[in-house]
C-alpha atoms as a PDB file:
ATOM      1  CA  UNK A   1      11.802 -94.480 -43.951  1.00  0.00           C
ATOM      2  CA  UNK A   2      10.466 -93.382 -40.615  1.00  0.00           C
ATOM      3  CA  UNK A   3       8.186 -95.516 -38.533  1.00  0.00           C
ATOM      4  CA  UNK A   4       6.063 -94.637 -35.542  1.00  0.00           C
ATOM      5  CA  UNK A   5       8.015 -95.520 -32.426  1.00  0.00           C
ATOM      6  CA  UNK A   6       6.608 -98.478 -30.546  1.00  0.00           C
ATOM      7  CA  UNK A   7       6.724 -99.418 -26.914  1.00  0.00           C
ATOM      8  CA  UNK A   8       9.329-102.146 -26.889  1.00  0.00           C
ATOM      9  CA  UNK A   9      12.991-102.490 -26.163  1.00  0.00           C
ATOM     10  CA  UNK A  10      15.454-105.325 -26.400  1.00  0.00           C
ATOM     11  CA  UNK A  11      17.891-106.519 -23.769  1.00  0.00           C
ATOM     12  CA  UNK A  12      20.637-108.791 -25.030  1.00  0.00           C
ATOM     13  CA  UNK A  13      20.879-111.339 -22.252  1.00  0.00           C
ATOM     14  CA  UNK A  14      21.959-114.649 -23.708  1.00  0.00           C
ATOM     15  CA  UNK A  15      24.249-116.115 -21.100  1.00  0.00           C
ATOM     16  CA  UNK A  16      22.796-119.574 -21.633  1.00  0.00           C
ATOM     17  CA  UNK A  17      23.340-119.253 -25.358  1.00  0.00           C
ATOM     18  CA  UNK A  18      26.956-118.334 -24.759  1.00  0.00           C
ATOM     19  CA  UNK A  19      27.658-121.287 -22.531  1.00  0.00           C
ATOM     20  CA  UNK A  20      28.774-123.447 -25.434  1.00  0.00           C
ATOM     21  CA  UNK A  21      32.542-123.442 -25.800  1.00  0.00           C
ATOM     22  CA  UNK A  22      33.812-121.046 -28.448  1.00  0.00           C
ATOM     23  CA  UNK A  23      30.595-119.070 -28.934  1.00  0.00           C
ATOM     24  CA  UNK A  24      31.151-115.421 -29.758  1.00  0.00           C
ATOM     25  CA  UNK A  25      28.542-112.669 -29.227  1.00  0.00           C
ATOM     26  CA  UNK A  26      28.937-109.805 -31.701  1.00  0.00           C
ATOM     27  CA  UNK A  27      26.830-106.651 -31.483  1.00  0.00           C
ATOM     28  CA  UNK A  28      26.476-103.620 -33.740  1.00  0.00           C
ATOM     29  CA  UNK A  29      24.388-100.491 -33.234  1.00  0.00           C
ATOM     30  CA  UNK A  30      23.436 -98.264 -36.155  1.00  0.00           C
ATOM     31  CA  UNK A  31      20.887 -95.600 -36.972  1.00  0.00           C
ATOM     32  CA  UNK A  32      18.551 -96.477 -39.816  1.00  0.00           C
ATOM     33  CA  UNK A  33      14.845 -96.569 -40.616  1.00  0.00           C
ATOM     34  CA  UNK A  34      14.299 -93.665 -38.266  1.00  0.00           C
ATOM     35  CA  UNK A  35      15.523 -95.491 -35.180  1.00  0.00           C
ATOM     36  CA  UNK A  36      18.588 -96.750 -33.365  1.00  0.00           C
ATOM     37  CA  UNK A  37      18.872-100.368 -34.437  1.00  0.00           C
ATOM     38  CA  UNK A  38      20.750-103.126 -32.654  1.00  0.00           C
ATOM     39  CA  UNK A  39      22.040-106.208 -34.458  1.00  0.00           C
ATOM     40  CA  UNK A  40      23.484-109.199 -32.621  1.00  0.00           C
ATOM     41  CA  UNK A  41      24.855-112.564 -33.664  1.00  0.00           C
ATOM     42  CA  UNK A  42      26.255-115.604 -31.869  1.00  0.00           C
ATOM     43  CA  UNK A  43      28.745-117.468 -34.032  1.00  0.00           C
ATOM     44  CA  UNK A  44      31.647-119.863 -33.754  1.00  0.00           C
ATOM     45  CA  UNK A  45      34.099-117.049 -34.524  1.00  0.00           C
ATOM     46  CA  UNK A  46      33.962-113.280 -34.272  1.00  0.00           C
ATOM     47  CA  UNK A  47      34.690-113.004 -37.997  1.00  0.00           C
ATOM     48  CA  UNK A  48      31.695-115.195 -38.819  1.00  0.00           C
ATOM     49  CA  UNK A  49      29.463-113.107 -36.564  1.00  0.00           C
ATOM     50  CA  UNK A  50      30.661-109.838 -38.091  1.00  0.00           C
ATOM     51  CA  UNK A  51      30.092-111.177 -41.599  1.00  0.00           C
ATOM     52  CA  UNK A  52      26.524-112.114 -40.655  1.00  0.00           C
ATOM     53  CA  UNK A  53      25.805-108.647 -39.275  1.00  0.00           C
ATOM     54  CA  UNK A  54      27.351-106.996 -42.338  1.00  0.00           C
ATOM     55  CA  UNK A  55      25.099-109.065 -44.585  1.00  0.00           C
ATOM     56  CA  UNK A  56      22.040-108.188 -42.489  1.00  0.00           C
ATOM     57  CA  UNK A  57      22.919-104.505 -42.508  1.00  0.00           C
ATOM     58  CA  UNK A  58      23.260-104.506 -46.293  1.00  0.00           C
ATOM     59  CA  UNK A  59      19.757-105.950 -46.602  1.00  0.00           C
ATOM     60  CA  UNK A  60      18.311-103.403 -44.159  1.00  0.00           C
ATOM     61  CA  UNK A  61      19.922-100.490 -45.966  1.00  0.00           C
ATOM     62  CA  UNK A  62      18.703-101.749 -49.332  1.00  0.00           C
ATOM     63  CA  UNK A  63      15.171-102.100 -47.961  1.00  0.00           C
ATOM     64  CA  UNK A  64      15.271 -98.582 -46.566  1.00  0.00           C
ATOM     65  CA  UNK A  65      16.378 -97.347 -49.974  1.00  0.00           C
ATOM     66  CA  UNK A  66      13.382 -99.115 -51.555  1.00  0.00           C
ATOM     67  CA  UNK A  67      10.724 -98.051 -49.054  1.00  0.00           C
ATOM     68  CA  UNK A  68      11.680 -94.692 -47.535  1.00  0.00           C
ATOM     69  CA  UNK A  69       9.085 -91.976 -48.045  1.00  0.00           C
ATOM     70  CA  UNK A  70      11.794 -89.484 -47.057  1.00  0.00           C
ATOM     71  CA  UNK A  71      13.923 -90.324 -50.094  1.00  0.00           C
ATOM     72  CA  UNK A  72      12.751 -89.033 -53.452  1.00  0.00           C
ATOM     73  CA  UNK A  73      14.635 -91.863 -55.162  1.00  0.00           C
ATOM     74  CA  UNK A  74      12.805 -94.700 -53.381  1.00  0.00           C
ATOM     75  CA  UNK A  75      10.263 -96.984 -55.026  1.00  0.00           C
ATOM     76  CA  UNK A  76       7.514 -95.902 -52.633  1.00  0.00           C
ATOM     77  CA  UNK A  77       8.158 -92.218 -53.344  1.00  0.00           C
ATOM     78  CA  UNK A  78       7.998 -92.992 -57.052  1.00  0.00           C
ATOM     79  CA  UNK A  79       4.647 -94.731 -56.557  1.00  0.00           C
ATOM     80  CA  UNK A  80       3.279 -91.860 -54.466  1.00  0.00           C
ATOM     81  CA  UNK A  81       3.952 -89.339 -57.233  1.00  0.00           C
ATOM     82  CA  UNK A  82       3.011 -91.652 -60.119  1.00  0.00           C
ATOM     83  CA  UNK A  83       0.174 -90.295 -62.297  1.00  0.00           C
ATOM     84  CA  UNK A  84      -3.313 -91.234 -61.149  1.00  0.00           C
ATOM     85  CA  UNK A  85      -4.889 -93.937 -63.282  1.00  0.00           C
ATOM     86  CA  UNK A  86      -1.600 -95.176 -64.742  1.00  0.00           C
ATOM     87  CA  UNK A  87      -0.317 -98.584 -63.571  1.00  0.00           C
ATOM     88  CA  UNK A  88       3.010 -98.504 -61.735  1.00  0.00           C
ATOM     89  CA  UNK A  89       5.111-101.642 -62.107  1.00  0.00           C
ATOM     90  CA  UNK A  90       6.437-103.083 -58.845  1.00  0.00           C
ATOM     91  CA  UNK A  91       9.803-104.844 -58.775  1.00  0.00           C
ATOM     92  CA  UNK A  92      10.392-108.004 -56.821  1.00  0.00           C
ATOM     93  CA  UNK A  93      10.322-108.277 -53.831  1.00  0.00           C
ATOM     94  CA  UNK A  94       7.827-105.375 -53.728  1.00  0.00           C
ATOM     95  CA  UNK A  95       5.230-107.453 -55.552  1.00  0.00           C
ATOM     96  CA  UNK A  96       5.372-110.113 -52.841  1.00  0.00           C
ATOM     97  CA  UNK A  97       5.325-107.428 -50.151  1.00  0.00           C
ATOM     98  CA  UNK A  98       2.217-105.775 -51.596  1.00  0.00           C
ATOM     99  CA  UNK A  99       0.444-109.146 -51.669  1.00  0.00           C
ATOM    100  CA  UNK A 100       0.927-109.325 -47.910  1.00  0.00           C
ATOM    101  CA  UNK A 101      -0.076-105.702 -47.375  1.00  0.00           C
ATOM    102  CA  UNK A 102      -3.368-106.129 -49.213  1.00  0.00           C
ATOM    103  CA  UNK A 103      -4.088-109.462 -47.521  1.00  0.00           C
ATOM    104  CA  UNK A 104      -3.737-108.036 -43.990  1.00  0.00           C
ATOM    105  CA  UNK A 105      -5.731-104.952 -44.970  1.00  0.00           C
ATOM    106  CA  UNK A 106      -8.616-107.188 -46.038  1.00  0.00           C
ATOM    107  CA  UNK A 107      -8.418-109.481 -43.003  1.00  0.00           C
ATOM    108  CA  UNK A 108      -8.468-106.584 -40.526  1.00  0.00           C
ATOM    109  CA  UNK A 109     -11.320-104.827 -42.365  1.00  0.00           C
ATOM    110  CA  UNK A 110      -9.233-101.687 -42.768  1.00  0.00           C
ATOM    111  CA  UNK A 111      -7.817-101.392 -39.234  1.00  0.00           C
ATOM    112  CA  UNK A 112      -4.476-101.859 -41.002  1.00  0.00           C
ATOM    113  CA  UNK A 113      -4.417 -99.407 -43.898  1.00  0.00           C
ATOM    114  CA  UNK A 114      -1.115 -97.896 -45.043  1.00  0.00           C
ATOM    115  CA  UNK A 115      -2.820 -95.739 -47.656  1.00  0.00           C
ATOM    116  CA  UNK A 116      -3.174 -92.901 -45.137  1.00  0.00           C
ATOM    117  CA  UNK A 117      -0.139 -90.803 -45.969  1.00  0.00           C
ATOM    118  CA  UNK A 118      -2.255 -87.671 -46.418  1.00  0.00           C
ATOM    119  CA  UNK A 119      -4.092 -88.220 -43.133  1.00  0.00           C
ATOM    120  CA  UNK A 120      -0.785 -88.567 -41.287  1.00  0.00           C
ATOM    121  CA  UNK A 121       0.332 -85.284 -42.832  1.00  0.00           C
ATOM    122  CA  UNK A 122      -2.923 -83.558 -41.864  1.00  0.00           C
ATOM    123  CA  UNK A 123      -2.431 -84.561 -38.220  1.00  0.00           C
ATOM    124  CA  UNK A 124       1.259 -83.637 -38.350  1.00  0.00           C
ATOM    125  CA  UNK A 125       2.241 -87.101 -37.142  1.00  0.00           C
ATOM    126  CA  UNK A 126       5.737 -86.889 -38.614  1.00  0.00           C
ATOM    127  CA  UNK A 127       6.148 -83.273 -37.496  1.00  0.00           C
ATOM    128  CA  UNK A 128       5.057 -81.448 -34.330  1.00  0.00           C
ATOM    129  CA  UNK A 129       1.403 -82.462 -34.418  1.00  0.00           C
ATOM    130  CA  UNK A 130      -1.619 -80.608 -35.789  1.00  0.00           C
ATOM    131  CA  UNK A 131      -5.401 -80.428 -35.358  1.00  0.00           C
ATOM    132  CA  UNK A 132      -7.109 -80.395 -38.781  1.00  0.00           C
ATOM    133  CA  UNK A 133     -10.480 -78.670 -38.908  1.00  0.00           C
ATOM    134  CA  UNK A 134     -13.581 -80.641 -39.859  1.00  0.00           C
ATOM    135  CA  UNK A 135     -13.509 -79.617 -43.518  1.00  0.00           C
ATOM    136  CA  UNK A 136      -9.833 -80.489 -43.889  1.00  0.00           C
ATOM    137  CA  UNK A 137     -10.327 -83.835 -42.166  1.00  0.00           C
ATOM    138  CA  UNK A 138     -13.289 -84.744 -44.369  1.00  0.00           C
ATOM    139  CA  UNK A 139     -11.423 -83.774 -47.516  1.00  0.00           C
ATOM    140  CA  UNK A 140      -8.300 -85.668 -46.449  1.00  0.00           C
ATOM    141  CA  UNK A 141     -10.217 -88.812 -45.499  1.00  0.00           C
ATOM    142  CA  UNK A 142     -11.789 -88.814 -48.958  1.00  0.00           C
ATOM    143  CA  UNK A 143      -8.280 -88.772 -50.452  1.00  0.00           C
ATOM    144  CA  UNK A 144      -6.901 -91.561 -48.245  1.00  0.00           C
ATOM    145  CA  UNK A 145      -6.982 -95.332 -48.003  1.00  0.00           C
ATOM    146  CA  UNK A 146      -6.017 -98.466 -49.894  1.00  0.00           C
ATOM    147  CA  UNK A 147      -9.463 -98.325 -51.521  1.00  0.00           C
ATOM    148  CA  UNK A 148      -7.893 -95.664 -53.751  1.00  0.00           C
ATOM    149  CA  UNK A 149      -5.226 -98.112 -54.950  1.00  0.00           C
ATOM    150  CA  UNK A 150      -5.630-101.132 -57.196  1.00  0.00           C
ATOM    151  CA  UNK A 151      -3.102-103.933 -56.856  1.00  0.00           C
ATOM    152  CA  UNK A 152      -2.768-106.466 -59.664  1.00  0.00           C
ATOM    153  CA  UNK A 153      -0.762-109.350 -58.186  1.00  0.00           C
ATOM    154  CA  UNK A 154      -0.488-111.211 -61.492  1.00  0.00           C
ATOM    155  CA  UNK A 155       0.902-108.241 -63.369  1.00  0.00           C
ATOM    156  CA  UNK A 156       2.719-106.782 -60.324  1.00  0.00           C
ATOM    157  CA  UNK A 157       1.229-103.329 -60.810  1.00  0.00           C
ATOM    158  CA  UNK A 158      -0.237-100.760 -58.429  1.00  0.00           C
ATOM    159  CA  UNK A 159      -2.573 -98.079 -59.767  1.00  0.00           C
ATOM    160  CA  UNK A 160      -3.504 -94.975 -57.826  1.00  0.00           C
ATOM    161  CA  UNK A 161      -7.176 -94.200 -58.330  1.00  0.00           C
ATOM    162  CA  UNK A 162      -6.925 -90.901 -56.478  1.00  0.00           C
ATOM    163  CA  UNK A 163      -4.468 -88.601 -54.727  1.00  0.00           C
ATOM    164  CA  UNK A 164      -3.824 -91.040 -51.856  1.00  0.00           C
ATOM    165  CA  UNK A 165      -0.256 -91.847 -50.797  1.00  0.00           C
ATOM    166  CA  UNK A 166       1.261 -94.860 -49.061  1.00  0.00           C
ATOM    167  CA  UNK A 167       3.029 -94.668 -45.705  1.00  0.00           C
ATOM    168  CA  UNK A 168       5.208 -97.643 -44.745  1.00  0.00           C
ATOM    169  CA  UNK A 169       5.193 -96.994 -40.988  1.00  0.00           C
ATOM    170  CA  UNK A 170       2.982 -99.989 -40.218  1.00  0.00           C
ATOM    171  CA  UNK A 171       4.819-102.581 -42.299  1.00  0.00           C
ATOM    172  CA  UNK A 172       8.220-101.317 -43.482  1.00  0.00           C
ATOM    173  CA  UNK A 173      10.313-102.604 -40.604  1.00  0.00           C
ATOM    174  CA  UNK A 174       8.598-105.957 -40.737  1.00  0.00           C
ATOM    175  CA  UNK A 175       9.324-106.218 -44.449  1.00  0.00           C
ATOM    176  CA  UNK A 176      12.987-105.387 -43.822  1.00  0.00           C
ATOM    177  CA  UNK A 177      13.252-108.101 -41.173  1.00  0.00           C
ATOM    178  CA  UNK A 178      11.635-110.640 -43.488  1.00  0.00           C
ATOM    179  CA  UNK A 179      14.215-109.824 -46.149  1.00  0.00           C
ATOM    180  CA  UNK A 180      17.020-110.337 -43.642  1.00  0.00           C
ATOM    181  CA  UNK A 181      15.561-113.676 -42.598  1.00  0.00           C
ATOM    182  CA  UNK A 182      15.407-114.791 -46.235  1.00  0.00           C
ATOM    183  CA  UNK A 183      18.990-113.694 -46.891  1.00  0.00           C
ATOM    184  CA  UNK A 184      20.787-115.219 -43.898  1.00  0.00           C
ATOM    185  CA  UNK A 185      21.521-118.903 -43.485  1.00  0.00           C
ATOM    186  CA  UNK A 186      21.124-121.126 -40.447  1.00  0.00           C
ATOM    187  CA  UNK A 187      24.765-121.322 -39.367  1.00  0.00           C
ATOM    188  CA  UNK A 188      24.668-118.297 -37.074  1.00  0.00           C
ATOM    189  CA  UNK A 189      22.132-117.249 -34.428  1.00  0.00           C
ATOM    190  CA  UNK A 190      21.042-113.650 -34.965  1.00  0.00           C
ATOM    191  CA  UNK A 191      18.720-111.050 -33.506  1.00  0.00           C
ATOM    192  CA  UNK A 192      17.761-107.613 -34.841  1.00  0.00           C
ATOM    193  CA  UNK A 193      15.940-104.900 -32.885  1.00  0.00           C
ATOM    194  CA  UNK A 194      14.500-102.115 -35.037  1.00  0.00           C
ATOM    195  CA  UNK A 195      13.082-100.038 -32.207  1.00  0.00           C
ATOM    196  CA  UNK A 196       9.809-101.708 -31.328  1.00  0.00           C
ATOM    197  CA  UNK A 197      10.114-104.754 -33.528  1.00  0.00           C
ATOM    198  CA  UNK A 198      12.532-107.597 -32.884  1.00  0.00           C
ATOM    199  CA  UNK A 199      13.240-110.635 -35.061  1.00  0.00           C
ATOM    200  CA  UNK A 200      15.408-113.668 -34.376  1.00  0.00           C
ATOM    201  CA  UNK A 201      16.582-116.366 -36.736  1.00  0.00           C
ATOM    202  CA  UNK A 202      19.351-118.656 -37.832  1.00  0.00           C
ATOM    203  CA  UNK A 203      20.569-121.441 -35.582  1.00  0.00           C
ATOM    204  CA  UNK A 204      18.128-121.665 -32.643  1.00  0.00           C
ATOM    205  CA  UNK A 205      19.370-120.803 -29.158  1.00  0.00           C
ATOM    206  CA  UNK A 206      18.239-123.267 -26.461  1.00  0.00           C
ATOM    207  CA  UNK A 207      16.723-120.491 -24.350  1.00  0.00           C
ATOM    208  CA  UNK A 208      16.223-117.886 -27.050  1.00  0.00           C
ATOM    209  CA  UNK A 209      16.932-114.181 -26.800  1.00  0.00           C
ATOM    210  CA  UNK A 210      15.678-112.233 -23.804  1.00  0.00           C
ATOM    211  CA  UNK A 211      13.478-109.362 -24.975  1.00  0.00           C
ATOM    212  CA  UNK A 212      12.142-106.634 -22.703  1.00  0.00           C
ATOM    213  CA  UNK A 213       8.647-105.294 -23.390  1.00  0.00           C
ATOM    214  CA  UNK A 214       8.298-101.747 -22.118  1.00  0.00           C
ATOM    215  CA  UNK A 215       5.761-100.309 -19.735  1.00  0.00           C
ATOM    216  CA  UNK A 216       3.331 -98.423 -22.014  1.00  0.00           C
ATOM    217  CA  UNK A 217       3.306 -95.530 -19.541  1.00  0.00           C
ATOM    218  CA  UNK A 218       7.091 -95.155 -19.692  1.00  0.00           C
ATOM    219  CA  UNK A 219       8.853 -96.574 -22.720  1.00  0.00           C
ATOM    220  CA  UNK A 220      12.252 -96.382 -21.014  1.00  0.00           C
ATOM    221  CA  UNK A 221      11.183 -98.835 -18.291  1.00  0.00           C
ATOM    222  CA  UNK A 222      10.753-102.571 -18.940  1.00  0.00           C
ATOM    223  CA  UNK A 223       7.441-104.049 -17.800  1.00  0.00           C
ATOM    224  CA  UNK A 224       8.146-107.694 -18.545  1.00  0.00           C
ATOM    225  CA  UNK A 225      10.611-109.920 -20.390  1.00  0.00           C
ATOM    226  CA  UNK A 226      10.007-112.518 -23.051  1.00  0.00           C
ATOM    227  CA  UNK A 227      11.985-115.354 -24.606  1.00  0.00           C
ATOM    228  CA  UNK A 228      12.167-115.016 -28.390  1.00  0.00           C
ATOM    229  CA  UNK A 229      13.297-118.233 -30.060  1.00  0.00           C
ATOM    230  CA  UNK A 230      12.426-117.242 -33.615  1.00  0.00           C
ATOM    231  CA  UNK A 231      10.022-115.210 -35.675  1.00  0.00           C
ATOM    232  CA  UNK A 232       9.213-111.561 -34.988  1.00  0.00           C
ATOM    233  CA  UNK A 233       7.740-109.674 -32.037  1.00  0.00           C
ATOM    234  CA  UNK A 234       6.258-106.266 -32.856  1.00  0.00           C
ATOM    235  CA  UNK A 235       4.870-103.841 -30.283  1.00  0.00           C
ATOM    236  CA  UNK A 236       2.652-100.857 -31.007  1.00  0.00           C
ATOM    237  CA  UNK A 237       1.820 -98.375 -28.306  1.00  0.00           C
ATOM    238  CA  UNK A 238       1.815 -94.856 -26.983  1.00  0.00           C
ATOM    239  CA  UNK A 239       5.286 -93.386 -26.973  1.00  0.00           C
ATOM    240  CA  UNK A 240       7.294 -90.217 -26.772  1.00  0.00           C
ATOM    241  CA  UNK A 241       6.069 -89.482 -30.304  1.00  0.00           C
ATOM    242  CA  UNK A 242       2.504 -88.924 -29.097  1.00  0.00           C
ATOM    243  CA  UNK A 243       2.035 -85.186 -28.715  1.00  0.00           C
ATOM    244  CA  UNK A 244      -0.469 -82.800 -27.174  1.00  0.00           C
ATOM    245  CA  UNK A 245      -1.768 -79.964 -29.347  1.00  0.00           C
ATOM    246  CA  UNK A 246      -3.892 -77.306 -27.634  1.00  0.00           C
ATOM    247  CA  UNK A 247      -4.803 -79.775 -24.909  1.00  0.00           C
ATOM    248  CA  UNK A 248      -5.673 -82.606 -27.317  1.00  0.00           C
ATOM    249  CA  UNK A 249      -3.606 -85.801 -27.450  1.00  0.00           C
ATOM    250  CA  UNK A 250      -2.519 -86.732 -30.967  1.00  0.00           C
ATOM    251  CA  UNK A 251      -1.460 -90.366 -31.116  1.00  0.00           C
ATOM    252  CA  UNK A 252       1.172 -91.258 -33.705  1.00  0.00           C
ATOM    253  CA  UNK A 253      -1.094 -94.166 -34.709  1.00  0.00           C
ATOM    254  CA  UNK A 254      -4.244 -93.179 -36.572  1.00  0.00           C
ATOM    255  CA  UNK A 255      -7.435 -95.189 -36.896  1.00  0.00           C
ATOM    256  CA  UNK A 256      -7.884 -95.415 -40.677  1.00  0.00           C
ATOM    257  CA  UNK A 257     -11.571 -96.187 -40.180  1.00  0.00           C
ATOM    258  CA  UNK A 258     -12.282 -92.801 -38.584  1.00  0.00           C
ATOM    259  CA  UNK A 259      -9.357 -90.726 -39.801  1.00  0.00           C
ATOM    260  CA  UNK A 260      -8.621 -89.766 -36.198  1.00  0.00           C
ATOM    261  CA  UNK A 261      -5.892 -90.715 -33.691  1.00  0.00           C
ATOM    262  CA  UNK A 262      -6.406 -94.136 -32.117  1.00  0.00           C
ATOM    263  CA  UNK A 263      -7.931 -93.876 -28.638  1.00  0.00           C
ATOM    264  CA  UNK A 264      -6.073 -96.729 -26.908  1.00  0.00           C
ATOM    265  CA  UNK A 265      -3.242 -95.631 -24.602  1.00  0.00           C
ATOM    266  CA  UNK A 266      -1.659 -98.973 -23.725  1.00  0.00           C
ATOM    267  CA  UNK A 267       0.339-101.293 -25.951  1.00  0.00           C
ATOM    268  CA  UNK A 268      -0.111-104.486 -27.902  1.00  0.00           C
ATOM    269  CA  UNK A 269       2.593-106.963 -28.870  1.00  0.00           C
ATOM    270  CA  UNK A 270       2.132-109.489 -31.665  1.00  0.00           C
ATOM    271  CA  UNK A 271       4.337-112.483 -32.432  1.00  0.00           C
ATOM    272  CA  UNK A 272       4.325-114.003 -35.901  1.00  0.00           C
ATOM    273  CA  UNK A 273       6.725-115.977 -38.057  1.00  0.00           C
ATOM    274  CA  UNK A 274       6.491-113.160 -40.603  1.00  0.00           C
ATOM    275  CA  UNK A 275       7.884-109.773 -39.658  1.00  0.00           C
ATOM    276  CA  UNK A 276       5.501-107.952 -42.001  1.00  0.00           C
ATOM    277  CA  UNK A 277       2.534-109.778 -40.494  1.00  0.00           C
ATOM    278  CA  UNK A 278       3.613-108.989 -36.912  1.00  0.00           C
ATOM    279  CA  UNK A 279       4.147-105.332 -37.851  1.00  0.00           C
ATOM    280  CA  UNK A 280       0.789-104.932 -39.593  1.00  0.00           C
ATOM    281  CA  UNK A 281      -1.145-106.844 -36.948  1.00  0.00           C
ATOM    282  CA  UNK A 282       0.290-104.979 -33.964  1.00  0.00           C
ATOM    283  CA  UNK A 283      -0.858-101.749 -35.621  1.00  0.00           C
ATOM    284  CA  UNK A 284      -4.305-103.130 -36.434  1.00  0.00           C
ATOM    285  CA  UNK A 285      -4.843-104.552 -32.935  1.00  0.00           C
ATOM    286  CA  UNK A 286      -3.748-101.258 -31.375  1.00  0.00           C
ATOM    287  CA  UNK A 287      -6.278 -99.444 -33.549  1.00  0.00           C
ATOM    288  CA  UNK A 288      -8.998-101.915 -32.556  1.00  0.00           C
ATOM    289  CA  UNK A 289      -8.243-101.571 -28.839  1.00  0.00           C
ATOM    290  CA  UNK A 290      -8.339-104.396 -26.262  1.00  0.00           C
ATOM    291  CA  UNK A 291     -11.973-105.486 -26.456  1.00  0.00           C
ATOM    292  CA  UNK A 292     -12.345-105.673 -30.230  1.00  0.00           C
ATOM    293  CA  UNK A 293      -8.708-106.621 -30.712  1.00  0.00           C
ATOM    294  CA  UNK A 294      -8.727-109.604 -28.345  1.00  0.00           C
ATOM    295  CA  UNK A 295     -11.894-110.986 -29.938  1.00  0.00           C
ATOM    296  CA  UNK A 296     -10.328-110.609 -33.373  1.00  0.00           C
ATOM    297  CA  UNK A 297      -7.020-112.141 -32.285  1.00  0.00           C
ATOM    298  CA  UNK A 298      -8.641-115.157 -30.626  1.00  0.00           C
ATOM    299  CA  UNK A 299     -10.912-115.712 -33.623  1.00  0.00           C
ATOM    300  CA  UNK A 300      -7.918-115.770 -35.957  1.00  0.00           C
ATOM    301  CA  UNK A 301      -5.595-117.570 -33.486  1.00  0.00           C
ATOM    302  CA  UNK A 302      -3.130-114.694 -33.367  1.00  0.00           C
ATOM    303  CA  UNK A 303      -0.393-114.431 -30.741  1.00  0.00           C
ATOM    304  CA  UNK A 304      -1.179-111.086 -29.081  1.00  0.00           C
ATOM    305  CA  UNK A 305      -0.410-109.495 -25.717  1.00  0.00           C
ATOM    306  CA  UNK A 306      -2.182-106.354 -24.473  1.00  0.00           C
ATOM    307  CA  UNK A 307      -0.807-104.157 -21.676  1.00  0.00           C
ATOM    308  CA  UNK A 308      -3.736-102.021 -20.538  1.00  0.00           C
ATOM    309  CA  UNK A 309      -3.296 -99.037 -18.171  1.00  0.00           C
ATOM    310  CA  UNK A 310      -5.983 -99.197 -15.490  1.00  0.00           C
ATOM    311  CA  UNK A 311      -6.147 -96.862 -12.488  1.00  0.00           C
ATOM    312  CA  UNK A 312      -2.402 -96.638 -12.009  1.00  0.00           C
ATOM    313  CA  UNK A 313      -1.801-100.320 -12.730  1.00  0.00           C
ATOM    314  CA  UNK A 314      -1.329-102.440 -15.848  1.00  0.00           C
ATOM    315  CA  UNK A 315      -3.713-105.229 -16.775  1.00  0.00           C
ATOM    316  CA  UNK A 316      -2.177-108.008 -18.850  1.00  0.00           C
ATOM    317  CA  UNK A 317      -4.326-109.812 -21.427  1.00  0.00           C
ATOM    318  CA  UNK A 318      -2.821-112.431 -23.706  1.00  0.00           C
ATOM    319  CA  UNK A 319      -4.348-114.754 -26.266  1.00  0.00           C
ATOM    320  CA  UNK A 320      -3.927-118.502 -26.028  1.00  0.00           C
ATOM    321  CA  UNK A 321      -1.678-118.401 -29.094  1.00  0.00           C
ATOM    322  CA  UNK A 322       0.649-115.874 -27.436  1.00  0.00           C
ATOM    323  CA  UNK A 323       0.938-117.960 -24.294  1.00  0.00           C
ATOM    324  CA  UNK A 324       1.846-120.960 -26.446  1.00  0.00           C
ATOM    325  CA  UNK A 325       4.444-119.091 -28.535  1.00  0.00           C
ATOM    326  CA  UNK A 326       6.137-116.729 -26.079  1.00  0.00           C
ATOM    327  CA  UNK A 327       7.408-117.387 -22.567  1.00  0.00           C
ATOM    328  CA  UNK A 328       7.107-114.353 -20.293  1.00  0.00           C
ATOM    329  CA  UNK A 329       9.392-113.960 -17.280  1.00  0.00           C
END
């Protein structure tokens, strides 16, 4: 599975959490899900911390095996090549995952729509970028979108009604983090950074984990820091994966409603208890842009933070729910 890179980074700075006698910080870095991931745990013993990270890594690898569109053996690849009109049976936990995917698609009125695999290919998002001509774009839009899939939650089946394909870039990492959260107990404090999305769980730290949110103009430079005490923080934004083709910027995030690259050039961070929800909503709010997105987020009491480039500076706009959930430094 590859996912569009997002404008966030994590800094492990938990000195207050380590002040308790005998606490051990254990960190592992691995490459999976198309990014360099960092896993950290604070436990009574190093062995306990390592066991927690091993368990988390097993869950992440299993999720990648289920969802990767780059692996022919994955469940999502099997769905994408399943015959049109024939129901495809989803295993658990995919059935639960699809319930969430369809729910957020409906709530955002299509701003979150993972049924755009063919549109992403037409724009070369996972390659070097491309500029489809008008006829190609019209044809590809007609063959894209969750409207061309039918999900039967009771029977746990998905039926392709056309040649559309699913891309997991806007929800796969969030789903993986939710599976980790469900698998790990509360004895150990843990944090996982999947390159733009960070989740924390287990035994709460008094001051949480210190997370750096990047400057949307330069992903390598932190703009601000946040305290994450639980749940998931997902950031969508312009990144090194945005490319310029013949003088035209091609964002790695497409607007499913137009079939074209999203116009916003800043970033949006969303906090939610659910990793899948945070992942899907950060994508949708990026697609909407600050004006529409902030109205939507306030209406639905979502915890969202926009960083908006403006004449060489960055304007910061946060919803009331974000201010209540996340402490910025």
